[in-house]
C-alpha atoms as a PDB file:
ATOM      1  CA  MET A   1     -45.139  22.672  55.912  1.00  0.00           C
ATOM      2  CA  ARG A   2     -41.302  23.527  55.838  1.00  0.00           C
ATOM      3  CA  HIS A   3     -40.574  19.704  56.091  1.00  0.00           C
ATOM      4  CA  GLU A   4     -43.212  18.557  54.000  1.00  0.00           C
ATOM      5  CA  PHE A   5     -41.855  21.432  50.820  1.00  0.00           C
ATOM      6  CA  ALA A   6     -38.704  20.228  51.868  1.00  0.00           C
ATOM      7  CA  TYR A   7     -39.370  16.204  51.381  1.00  0.00           C
ATOM      8  CA  GLU A   8     -40.573  16.924  48.162  1.00  0.00           C
ATOM      9  CA  GLU A   9     -37.710  18.567  47.156  1.00  0.00           C
ATOM     10  CA  ALA A  10     -35.484  15.799  48.258  1.00  0.00           C
ATOM     11  CA  GLN A  11     -37.981  13.581  46.666  1.00  0.00           C
ATOM     12  CA  ARG A  12     -37.908  15.546  42.918  1.00  0.00           C
ATOM     13  CA  HIS A  13     -34.079  16.121  42.858  1.00  0.00           C
ATOM     14  CA  LEU A  14     -33.969  12.073  43.292  1.00  0.00           C
ATOM     15  CA  LYS A  15     -36.003  11.124  40.671  1.00  0.00           C
ATOM     16  CA  GLN A  16     -33.792  13.443  38.912  1.00  0.00           C
ATOM     17  CA  ARG A  17     -30.360  11.537  39.190  1.00  0.00           C
ATOM     18  CA  ASN A  18     -32.043   8.660  39.265  1.00  0.00           C
ATOM     19  CA  ARG A  19     -33.798   9.367  35.668  1.00  0.00           C
ATOM     20  CA  PHE A  20     -29.771  10.833  34.606  1.00  0.00           C
ATOM     21  CA  ALA A  21     -28.288   7.635  36.094  1.00  0.00           C
ATOM     22  CA  ALA A  22     -30.241   5.370  33.566  1.00  0.00           C
ATOM     23  CA  LEU A  23     -29.672   7.881  30.689  1.00  0.00           C
ATOM     24  CA  SER A  24     -26.376   7.432  30.948  1.00  0.00           C
ATOM     25  CA  ALA A  25     -25.666   3.823  31.872  1.00  0.00           C
ATOM     26  CA  VAL A  26     -27.967   3.931  28.486  1.00  0.00           C
ATOM     27  CA  LEU A  27     -25.888   6.170  26.349  1.00  0.00           C
ATOM     28  CA  GLY A  28     -22.694   4.145  28.042  1.00  0.00           C
ATOM     29  CA  LEU A  29     -23.407   0.631  26.800  1.00  0.00           C
ATOM     30  CA  THR A  30     -25.114   2.257  23.655  1.00  0.00           C
ATOM     31  CA  SER A  31     -21.255   4.059  23.144  1.00  0.00           C
ATOM     32  CA  LEU A  32     -19.475   1.028  24.126  1.00  0.00           C
ATOM     33  CA  LEU A  33     -21.244  -1.649  21.659  1.00  0.00           C
ATOM     34  CA  ALA A  34     -20.169   1.106  19.052  1.00  0.00           C
ATOM     35  CA  VAL A  35     -16.940   0.967  19.661  1.00  0.00           C
ATOM     36  CA  GLY A  36     -17.130  -3.007  19.422  1.00  0.00           C
ATOM     37  CA  ALA A  37     -18.723  -3.281  16.442  1.00  0.00           C
ATOM     38  CA  ALA A  38     -16.430  -0.406  14.798  1.00  0.00           C
ATOM     39  CA  ALA A  39     -13.670  -2.545  16.258  1.00  0.00           C
ATOM     40  CA  THR A  40     -14.460  -6.195  15.299  1.00  0.00           C
ATOM     41  CA  ARG A  41     -16.074  -4.551  12.084  1.00  0.00           C
ATOM     42  CA  GLU A  42     -14.255  -6.064   8.439  1.00  0.00           C
ATOM     43  CA  GLU A  43     -12.610  -2.868   6.512  1.00  0.00           C
ATOM     44  CA  SER A  44     -12.774  -2.671   3.481  1.00  0.00           C
ATOM     45  CA  VAL A  45     -12.136   0.625   1.063  1.00  0.00           C
ATOM     46  CA  ILE A  46     -13.595   0.696  -2.569  1.00  0.00           C
ATOM     47  CA  LEU A  47     -11.008   1.611  -5.270  1.00  0.00           C
ATOM     48  CA  VAL A  48     -10.890   3.590  -8.176  1.00  0.00           C
ATOM     49  CA  PRO A  49     -11.817   2.110 -10.747  1.00  0.00           C
ATOM     50  CA  VAL A  50      -9.143   0.846 -13.374  1.00  0.00           C
ATOM     51  CA  THR A  51      -9.944  -1.830 -15.108  1.00  0.00           C
ATOM     52  CA  THR A  52     -13.707  -2.985 -16.283  1.00  0.00           C
ATOM     53  CA  GLU A  53     -13.886  -4.447 -12.994  1.00  0.00           C
ATOM     54  CA  ARG A  54     -14.570  -3.670  -9.479  1.00  0.00           C
ATOM     55  CA  LEU A  55     -12.039  -4.047  -6.691  1.00  0.00           C
ATOM     56  CA  THR A  56     -11.492  -3.374  -3.172  1.00  0.00           C
ATOM     57  CA  LEU A  57      -9.328  -3.931  -0.918  1.00  0.00           C
ATOM     58  CA  GLY A  58     -10.533  -5.039   2.649  1.00  0.00           C
ATOM     59  CA  SER A  59      -9.069  -5.583   6.227  1.00  0.00           C
ATOM     60  CA  GLY A  60      -9.281  -9.602   5.238  1.00  0.00           C
ATOM     61  CA  GLY A  61      -6.327  -9.553   3.445  1.00  0.00           C
ATOM     62  CA  THR A  62      -5.196  -8.435  -0.262  1.00  0.00           C
ATOM     63  CA  ASP A  63      -7.032  -9.679  -3.567  1.00  0.00           C
ATOM     64  CA  ALA A  64      -4.175 -11.163  -5.305  1.00  0.00           C
ATOM     65  CA  HIS A  65      -6.165  -9.423  -8.744  1.00  0.00           C
ATOM     66  CA  TYR A  66      -5.310  -6.488  -6.628  1.00  0.00           C
ATOM     67  CA  LEU A  67      -1.496  -7.413  -5.773  1.00  0.00           C
ATOM     68  CA  GLU A  68      -0.749  -7.885  -9.534  1.00  0.00           C
ATOM     69  CA  LEU A  69      -2.637  -4.020 -10.199  1.00  0.00           C
ATOM     70  CA  VAL A  70      -0.558  -2.543  -7.644  1.00  0.00           C
ATOM     71  CA  THR A  71       3.167  -4.250  -8.609  1.00  0.00           C
ATOM     72  CA  ARG A  72       2.176  -3.520 -12.474  1.00  0.00           C
ATOM     73  CA  ASP A  73       2.398   0.091 -12.318  1.00  0.00           C
ATOM     74  CA  THR A  74       5.332  -0.378  -9.707  1.00  0.00           C
ATOM     75  CA  ALA A  75       7.145  -2.630 -11.571  1.00  0.00           C
ATOM     76  CA  LEU A  76       6.252   0.047 -15.156  1.00  0.00           C
ATOM     77  CA  MET A  77       6.702   2.505 -13.508  1.00  0.00           C
ATOM     78  CA  LEU A  78      10.238   1.638 -11.895  1.00  0.00           C
ATOM     79  CA  LEU A  79      11.551  -0.049 -14.965  1.00  0.00           C
ATOM     80  CA  ASN A  80      11.008   2.762 -17.531  1.00  0.00           C
ATOM     81  CA  ARG A  81      13.244   5.648 -16.463  1.00  0.00           C
ATOM     82  CA  ALA A  82      14.939   8.239 -18.820  1.00  0.00           C
ATOM     83  CA  PRO A  83      17.790  10.408 -17.419  1.00  0.00           C
ATOM     84  CA  GLU A  84      15.962  13.740 -18.213  1.00  0.00           C
ATOM     85  CA  SER A  85      13.460  12.249 -15.536  1.00  0.00           C
ATOM     86  CA  LEU A  86      15.055  10.652 -12.614  1.00  0.00           C
ATOM     87  CA  ASP A  87      14.383  13.448  -9.962  1.00  0.00           C
ATOM     88  CA  TYR A  88      10.273  12.705 -10.712  1.00  0.00           C
ATOM     89  CA  TRP A  89      11.313   8.931 -10.922  1.00  0.00           C
ATOM     90  CA  MET A  90      13.007   8.426  -7.762  1.00  0.00           C
ATOM     91  CA  GLU A  91      10.263  10.478  -5.794  1.00  0.00           C
ATOM     92  CA  GLN A  92       7.288   8.780  -7.798  1.00  0.00           C
ATOM     93  CA  VAL A  93       9.374   5.318  -6.345  1.00  0.00           C
ATOM     94  CA  LEU A  94       9.729   6.243  -3.434  1.00  0.00           C
ATOM     95  CA  LYS A  95       5.509   7.455  -2.746  1.00  0.00           C
ATOM     96  CA  VAL A  96       4.893   3.684  -3.137  1.00  0.00           C
ATOM     97  CA  ALA A  97       7.893   2.752  -0.361  1.00  0.00           C
ATOM     98  CA  ASP A  98       7.049   1.472   2.835  1.00  0.00           C
ATOM     99  CA  PRO A  99       7.705   3.153   5.378  1.00  0.00           C
ATOM    100  CA  SER A 100      10.139   0.684   7.051  1.00  0.00           C
ATOM    101  CA  ALA A 101      12.164  -0.106   3.574  1.00  0.00           C
ATOM    102  CA  HIS A 102      11.863   3.872   3.043  1.00  0.00           C
ATOM    103  CA  GLY A 103      16.029   4.359   3.675  1.00  0.00           C
ATOM    104  CA  SER A 104      17.449   1.451   2.097  1.00  0.00           C
ATOM    105  CA  LEU A 105      15.153   1.333  -1.190  1.00  0.00           C
ATOM    106  CA  LYS A 106      15.622   5.409  -1.240  1.00  0.00           C
ATOM    107  CA  ALA A 107      20.009   3.814  -1.205  1.00  0.00           C
ATOM    108  CA  GLU A 108      18.861   1.673  -3.863  1.00  0.00           C
ATOM    109  CA  LEU A 109      17.561   3.904  -5.721  1.00  0.00           C
ATOM    110  CA  VAL A 110      20.085   7.178  -5.665  1.00  0.00           C
ATOM    111  CA  LYS A 111      22.993   4.359  -7.154  1.00  0.00           C
ATOM    112  CA  ILE A 112      20.740   4.084  -9.954  1.00  0.00           C
ATOM    113  CA  VAL A 113      20.363   7.688 -10.159  1.00  0.00           C
ATOM    114  CA  ASP A 114      24.277   8.661  -9.993  1.00  0.00           C
ATOM    115  CA  GLU A 115      25.236   5.711 -12.192  1.00  0.00           C
ATOM    116  CA  GLN A 116      22.252   7.090 -15.135  1.00  0.00           C
ATOM    117  CA  ARG A 117      22.717  10.985 -14.320  1.00  0.00           C
ATOM    118  CA  GLY A 118      24.492  12.805 -17.001  1.00  0.00           C
ATOM    119  CA  SER A 119      24.254  10.056 -19.743  1.00  0.00           C
ATOM    120  CA  ASP A 120      21.936   9.455 -22.727  1.00  0.00           C
ATOM    121  CA  ILE A 121      20.809   5.766 -21.736  1.00  0.00           C
ATOM    122  CA  SER A 122      17.531   5.040 -20.875  1.00  0.00           C
ATOM    123  CA  GLN A 123      15.681   2.360 -20.592  1.00  0.00           C
ATOM    124  CA  ALA A 124      11.844   0.343 -21.164  1.00  0.00           C
ATOM    125  CA  PHE A 125      10.391  -2.598 -19.921  1.00  0.00           C
ATOM    126  CA  VAL A 126       7.599  -4.148 -21.797  1.00  0.00           C
ATOM    127  CA  ILE A 127       5.890  -7.085 -18.784  1.00  0.00           C
ATOM    128  CA  SER A 128       4.882 -10.494 -20.921  1.00  0.00           C
ATOM    129  CA  ARG A 129       3.569 -12.217 -17.331  1.00  0.00           C
ATOM    130  CA  MET A 130       3.222 -12.010 -13.686  1.00  0.00           C
ATOM    131  CA  GLU A 131       3.453 -14.505 -11.153  1.00  0.00           C
ATOM    132  CA  VAL A 132       1.693 -13.122  -7.377  1.00  0.00           C
ATOM    133  CA  ASP A 133       2.143 -14.945  -4.276  1.00  0.00           C
ATOM    134  CA  ALA A 134      -1.212 -12.459  -2.249  1.00  0.00           C
ATOM    135  CA  GLN A 135       0.310 -14.699   0.411  1.00  0.00           C
ATOM    136  CA  ALA A 136       3.692 -13.635   0.719  1.00  0.00           C
ATOM    137  CA  LEU A 137       2.717 -10.425  -0.896  1.00  0.00           C
ATOM    138  CA  THR A 138       5.563 -11.058  -3.190  1.00  0.00           C
ATOM    139  CA  ALA A 139       4.685 -10.932  -7.879  1.00  0.00           C
ATOM    140  CA  VAL A 140       7.708 -11.759 -10.013  1.00  0.00           C
ATOM    141  CA  VAL A 141       7.277  -9.654 -12.890  1.00  0.00           C
ATOM    142  CA  THR A 142       8.762 -10.989 -16.591  1.00  0.00           C
ATOM    143  CA  GLY A 143       9.269  -8.439 -19.643  1.00  0.00           C
ATOM    144  CA  THR A 144      11.730  -7.172 -22.170  1.00  0.00           C
ATOM    145  CA  LEU A 145      13.518  -4.633 -20.663  1.00  0.00           C
ATOM    146  CA  LYS A 146      15.294  -2.810 -23.479  1.00  0.00           C
ATOM    147  CA  THR A 147      18.510  -0.022 -23.114  1.00  0.00           C
ATOM    148  CA  PHE A 148      18.713   2.723 -25.650  1.00  0.00           C
ATOM    149  CA  VAL A 149      21.786   5.482 -25.945  1.00  0.00           C
ATOM    150  CA  GLY A 150      20.253   8.327 -27.415  1.00  0.00           C
ATOM    151  CA  ALA A 151      17.029   6.490 -29.985  1.00  0.00           C
ATOM    152  CA  GLN A 152      19.024   2.946 -30.599  1.00  0.00           C
ATOM    153  CA  VAL A 153      18.110   0.228 -28.874  1.00  0.00           C
ATOM    154  CA  ILE A 154      21.732  -1.218 -27.451  1.00  0.00           C
ATOM    155  CA  ALA A 155      19.960  -4.185 -25.616  1.00  0.00           C
ATOM    156  CA  SER A 156      16.984  -6.144 -25.440  1.00  0.00           C
ATOM    157  CA  GLN A 157      16.839  -9.349 -22.971  1.00  0.00           C
ATOM    158  CA  GLU A 158      14.364 -10.737 -21.354  1.00  0.00           C
ATOM    159  CA  ARG A 159      14.153 -10.439 -17.455  1.00  0.00           C
ATOM    160  CA  SER A 160      12.478 -10.786 -14.396  1.00  0.00           C
ATOM    161  CA  PHE A 161      12.208  -8.948 -11.289  1.00  0.00           C
ATOM    162  CA  GLU A 162      10.924  -9.772  -7.564  1.00  0.00           C
ATOM    163  CA  PHE A 163       8.537  -7.297  -6.271  1.00  0.00           C
ATOM    164  CA  SER A 164       7.853  -7.536  -2.106  1.00  0.00           C
ATOM    165  CA  TRP A 165       5.203  -6.063  -0.480  1.00  0.00           C
ATOM    166  CA  ASN A 166       4.317  -4.851   2.970  1.00  0.00           C
ATOM    167  CA  ARG A 167       0.646  -4.472   4.486  1.00  0.00           C
ATOM    168  CA  ARG A 168       0.455  -1.450   7.051  1.00  0.00           C
ATOM    169  CA  GLY A 169      -3.713  -1.181   7.641  1.00  0.00           C
ATOM    170  CA  LEU A 170      -5.491  -0.767   4.029  1.00  0.00           C
ATOM    171  CA  SER A 171      -2.310  -0.169   1.938  1.00  0.00           C
ATOM    172  CA  LEU A 172       0.325  -1.714   0.397  1.00  0.00           C
ATOM    173  CA  GLY A 173       4.266   0.066   0.705  1.00  0.00           C
ATOM    174  CA  LEU A 174       7.112  -1.916  -1.615  1.00  0.00           C
ATOM    175  CA  THR A 175       9.464  -2.988   0.850  1.00  0.00           C
ATOM    176  CA  GLY A 176      12.328  -4.294  -1.923  1.00  0.00           C
ATOM    177  CA  PHE A 177      12.298  -5.423  -5.695  1.00  0.00           C
ATOM    178  CA  ARG A 178      15.409  -7.323  -7.445  1.00  0.00           C
ATOM    179  CA  GLN A 179      16.437  -8.318 -10.891  1.00  0.00           C
ATOM    180  CA  LEU A 180      16.116 -12.118 -11.030  1.00  0.00           C
ATOM    181  CA  PRO A 181      19.412 -14.108 -12.243  1.00  0.00           C
ATOM    182  CA  THR A 182      18.275 -15.210 -15.628  1.00  0.00           C
ATOM    183  CA  GLU A 183      19.484 -19.406 -16.265  1.00  0.00           C
ATOM    184  CA  ASN A 184      22.502 -18.801 -17.798  1.00  0.00           C
ATOM    185  CA  GLU A 185      23.557 -16.716 -15.204  1.00  0.00           C
ATOM    186  CA  GLU A 186      22.461 -18.755 -12.224  1.00  0.00           C
ATOM    187  CA  GLU A 187      24.496 -21.588 -14.301  1.00  0.00           C
ATOM    188  CA  ASN A 188      27.782 -19.817 -15.400  1.00  0.00           C
ATOM    189  CA  PRO A 189      28.634 -18.027 -11.499  1.00  0.00           C
END
């Protein structure tokens, strides 16, 4: 009798163990499928509407229109500055900087801040056109750069600036900007 009871008890434990093993196998397979699906799924982020159309940034690449909007906002922020807001200006530009370019961008911005601090010189930029290369993650912004001393305009020139970007995951980071030479400057170095 005791052997029969022990045998039944062993069989019950064996069945229970087999059920747990099967359940573990099913859960493990489900987890592997979920991880695989998450790793291969194309990611996208729905952006807050700033235009009349809907924009998304997917893991497949950067949309030219999105790059244009980001460059437009950055160009206006970077090229419109006054001596009273230089610290805030530099802080905001560095927020859009790519981590790999943070140091070099900060060095360029500090030079600008040192030159302009304590002066009455301000500048404003009005965009007239933009050329975007979504593959190379660059954009050239052209417009009128006005320089003011106090309230008086002392210079108004057509200028072009090139902005370079880097993509990290689903975000863009500014890696560099530079003023492009005008046709006169190219002819007379």
